[in-house]
Amino acid sequence: MLPCAPDAVILRHLLSIAVLPFTVAVLVPMWLARRHHVDLALGTTPPAIATQLAGIVGLGIGLALFTASLRQFAVRGKGTLAPWDPPKYLVVQGPYRYVRNPMISGVLFLLAGEALVLRSWPHGQWVLLFLIVNLLYIPAFEEPQLERRFGASYREYRQHVGRLLPRLRPWRPPGGGVGD
């Protein structure tokens, strides 16, 4: 197979971002805001301001996790976040040393940040729904597929790194073999 031209690689990533995280983190929240008449308004009380500041922190963490994860998929995995164009190599670098699904964790932080900044219960419900769907989807579909593709390397990684809750210290594979 011929290597992809840089423009083609960028297009693959933009398409996967547009279809998946953009829909989840931008389009659905915009629809919820319109449907429930949620407007961005600066808080006027200390609790409202603190809630919105916590939301801004959540947005920052989410964006950092998502972009760092996406970069690892592109550079180390040679693929995208899309199920139709997955990484060709198991990625256990960067945020993947702490948590197996940092992209999902990042999107959860983004969604929670949006809910807090907007101080919106419908957006909070969207966070919970997204979490539940992923708690069901990941072990039922994604993890068995990863085990078939990457075998013992993935089983070892799964044994040491949590699905959504991060480790306090980065996992380092014995001999640095997996993903290096």
Protein backbone atom coordinates (compact mmCIF):
# COMPACT_ATOMS: atom_id res chain seq x y z
CA MET A 1 0.00 0.00 0.00
CA LEU A 2 1.31 3.46 -0.88
CA PRO A 3 1.79 5.95 1.94
CA CYS A 4 -0.85 8.68 2.11
CA ALA A 5 0.03 12.17 1.00
CA PRO A 6 0.01 14.70 3.87
CA ASP A 7 -3.18 16.31 2.50
CA ALA A 8 -4.93 12.93 2.43
CA VAL A 9 -3.91 12.22 6.04
CA ILE A 10 -5.22 15.60 7.17
CA LEU A 11 -8.46 15.00 5.29
CA ARG A 12 -8.87 11.56 6.94
CA HIS A 13 -8.45 13.12 10.40
CA LEU A 14 -10.77 16.04 9.67
CA LEU A 15 -13.46 13.67 8.41
CA SER A 16 -13.21 11.45 11.48
CA ILE A 17 -13.34 14.50 13.79
CA ALA A 18 -16.29 16.03 11.91
CA VAL A 19 -18.32 12.86 12.05
CA LEU A 20 -17.66 11.74 15.62
CA PRO A 21 -16.44 14.21 18.29
CA PHE A 22 -17.78 17.30 16.50
CA THR A 23 -21.25 15.78 16.45
CA VAL A 24 -21.05 14.71 20.10
CA ALA A 25 -19.36 17.81 21.52
CA VAL A 26 -20.73 20.58 19.28
CA LEU A 27 -23.81 19.66 17.25
CA VAL A 28 -25.74 17.78 19.95
CA PRO A 29 -25.00 20.42 22.62
CA MET A 30 -26.11 23.17 20.21
CA TRP A 31 -29.33 21.26 19.51
CA LEU A 32 -29.90 20.79 23.27
CA ALA A 33 -29.32 24.49 23.92
CA ARG A 34 -31.86 25.47 21.26
CA ARG A 35 -34.40 22.85 22.29
CA HIS A 36 -34.23 23.79 25.98
CA HIS A 37 -33.67 27.54 25.47
CA VAL A 38 -30.27 27.47 27.17
CA ASP A 39 -28.23 30.62 26.68
CA LEU A 40 -24.71 31.34 27.79
CA ALA A 41 -24.97 33.86 30.60
CA LEU A 42 -22.24 34.83 33.03
CA GLY A 43 -23.01 33.80 36.58
CA THR A 44 -23.76 36.58 39.02
CA THR A 45 -23.42 34.68 42.30
CA PRO A 46 -20.27 33.09 43.71
CA PRO A 47 -21.63 29.51 43.25
CA ALA A 48 -22.64 30.23 39.63
CA ILE A 49 -19.24 31.77 38.88
CA ALA A 50 -17.43 28.85 40.55
CA THR A 51 -19.52 26.40 38.51
CA GLN A 52 -18.61 28.16 35.28
CA LEU A 53 -14.92 28.35 36.22
CA ALA A 54 -14.97 24.60 36.92
CA GLY A 55 -16.54 24.18 33.48
CA ILE A 56 -13.76 26.18 31.85
CA VAL A 57 -11.20 23.94 33.57
CA GLY A 58 -13.11 20.87 32.32
CA LEU A 59 -13.11 22.25 28.78
CA GLY A 60 -9.33 22.79 28.97
CA ILE A 61 -8.64 19.30 30.31
CA GLY A 62 -10.94 17.75 27.73
CA LEU A 63 -9.38 19.60 24.82
CA ALA A 64 -5.86 18.73 26.01
CA LEU A 65 -6.70 15.03 26.41
CA PHE A 66 -8.49 14.84 23.09
CA THR A 67 -5.76 16.56 21.08
CA ALA A 68 -2.93 14.61 22.74
CA SER A 69 -4.78 11.35 22.06
CA LEU A 70 -5.52 12.27 18.46
CA ARG A 71 -1.86 13.14 17.92
CA GLN A 72 -0.78 9.73 19.26
CA PHE A 73 -3.25 7.98 16.93
CA ALA A 74 -1.83 9.87 13.95
CA VAL A 75 1.88 9.69 14.80
CA ARG A 76 2.23 6.32 16.56
CA GLY A 77 -0.87 4.44 15.46
CA LYS A 78 -0.89 5.58 11.82
CA GLY A 79 -4.68 5.87 11.85
CA THR A 80 -7.59 8.00 12.99
CA LEU A 81 -10.16 7.89 15.77
CA ALA A 82 -12.79 6.59 13.34
CA PRO A 83 -13.80 2.91 13.50
CA TRP A 84 -13.58 2.76 9.69
CA ASP A 85 -9.94 4.02 9.73
CA PRO A 86 -8.44 2.77 13.02
CA PRO A 87 -4.79 2.94 14.05
CA LYS A 88 -2.67 0.21 12.54
CA TYR A 89 -0.45 -0.05 15.62
CA LEU A 90 -1.39 -0.33 19.29
CA VAL A 91 -0.90 3.07 20.94
CA VAL A 92 0.31 3.08 24.55
CA GLN A 93 2.17 6.39 24.57
CA GLY A 94 1.22 9.84 25.86
CA PRO A 95 -2.12 9.85 27.69
CA TYR A 96 -2.59 6.16 26.78
CA ARG A 97 0.01 5.33 29.45
CA TYR A 98 -2.52 6.52 32.04
CA VAL A 99 -5.93 5.50 30.65
CA ARG A 100 -7.04 3.23 27.78
CA ASN A 101 -9.64 5.63 26.40
CA PRO A 102 -8.28 9.16 26.85
CA MET A 103 -10.26 10.42 23.85
CA ILE A 104 -13.53 9.35 25.46
CA SER A 105 -12.33 10.77 28.79
CA GLY A 106 -11.46 14.00 26.97
CA VAL A 107 -14.88 14.20 25.34
CA LEU A 108 -16.51 13.53 28.72
CA PHE A 109 -14.53 16.44 30.21
CA LEU A 110 -15.58 18.64 27.26
CA LEU A 111 -19.25 17.73 27.68
CA ALA A 112 -19.14 18.20 31.45
CA GLY A 113 -17.37 21.53 30.94
CA GLU A 114 -20.10 22.64 28.55
CA ALA A 115 -22.82 21.60 31.01
CA LEU A 116 -21.11 23.53 33.82
CA VAL A 117 -20.37 26.66 31.79
CA LEU A 118 -23.97 26.73 30.56
CA ARG A 119 -25.28 25.60 33.95
CA SER A 120 -27.61 23.31 32.02
CA TRP A 121 -29.24 20.14 33.32
CA PRO A 122 -30.12 18.89 29.78
CA HIS A 123 -26.41 19.12 28.94
CA GLY A 124 -25.62 17.27 32.17
CA GLN A 125 -28.01 14.52 31.09
CA TRP A 126 -26.19 14.35 27.74
CA VAL A 127 -22.90 13.77 29.62
CA LEU A 128 -24.49 10.90 31.54
CA LEU A 129 -25.99 9.36 28.40
CA PHE A 130 -22.65 9.59 26.56
CA LEU A 131 -20.91 7.97 29.54
CA ILE A 132 -23.44 5.11 29.74
CA VAL A 133 -23.27 4.43 26.00
CA ASN A 134 -19.47 4.23 26.16
CA LEU A 135 -19.48 2.08 29.30
CA LEU A 136 -21.56 -0.41 27.30
CA TYR A 137 -19.99 -0.01 23.85
CA ILE A 138 -16.29 -0.14 24.79
CA PRO A 139 -16.26 -3.53 26.57
CA ALA A 140 -18.87 -5.10 24.27
CA PHE A 141 -17.48 -4.05 20.89
CA GLU A 142 -14.27 -2.03 20.94
CA GLU A 143 -12.17 -4.09 23.36
CA PRO A 144 -12.86 -7.49 21.73
CA GLN A 145 -11.95 -5.95 18.37
CA LEU A 146 -8.69 -4.55 19.80
CA GLU A 147 -7.86 -7.92 21.33
CA ARG A 148 -8.36 -9.63 17.95
CA ARG A 149 -6.19 -7.04 16.19
CA PHE A 150 -3.37 -6.71 18.72
CA GLY A 151 -3.53 -9.98 20.71
CA ALA A 152 -1.25 -10.44 23.71
CA SER A 153 0.06 -6.86 23.53
CA TYR A 154 -3.44 -5.48 24.04
CA ARG A 155 -4.28 -8.02 26.77
CA GLU A 156 -1.16 -6.99 28.69
CA TYR A 157 -1.98 -3.30 28.24
CA ARG A 158 -5.62 -3.83 29.32
CA GLN A 159 -4.41 -5.65 32.43
CA HIS A 160 -2.37 -2.63 33.57
CA VAL A 161 -4.29 0.44 32.37
CA GLY A 162 -7.88 1.32 33.30
CA ARG A 163 -10.62 1.92 30.75
CA LEU A 164 -11.74 5.42 31.83
CA LEU A 165 -10.17 6.03 35.24
CA PRO A 166 -6.52 7.02 34.91
CA ARG A 167 -3.56 5.58 36.75
CA LEU A 168 -1.59 7.91 38.97
CA ARG A 169 1.69 6.89 37.34
CA PRO A 170 2.27 6.11 33.67
CA TRP A 171 2.36 2.43 32.71
CA ARG A 172 5.57 1.38 31.03
CA PRO A 173 5.53 -1.94 29.21
CA PRO A 174 8.32 -4.33 30.20
CA GLY A 175 11.28 -3.59 27.96
CA GLY A 176 9.37 -0.68 26.45
CA GLY A 177 8.26 -3.01 23.65
CA VAL A 178 4.55 -2.37 23.19
CA GLY A 179 3.89 0.76 21.19
CA ASP A 180 7.48 2.03 21.12
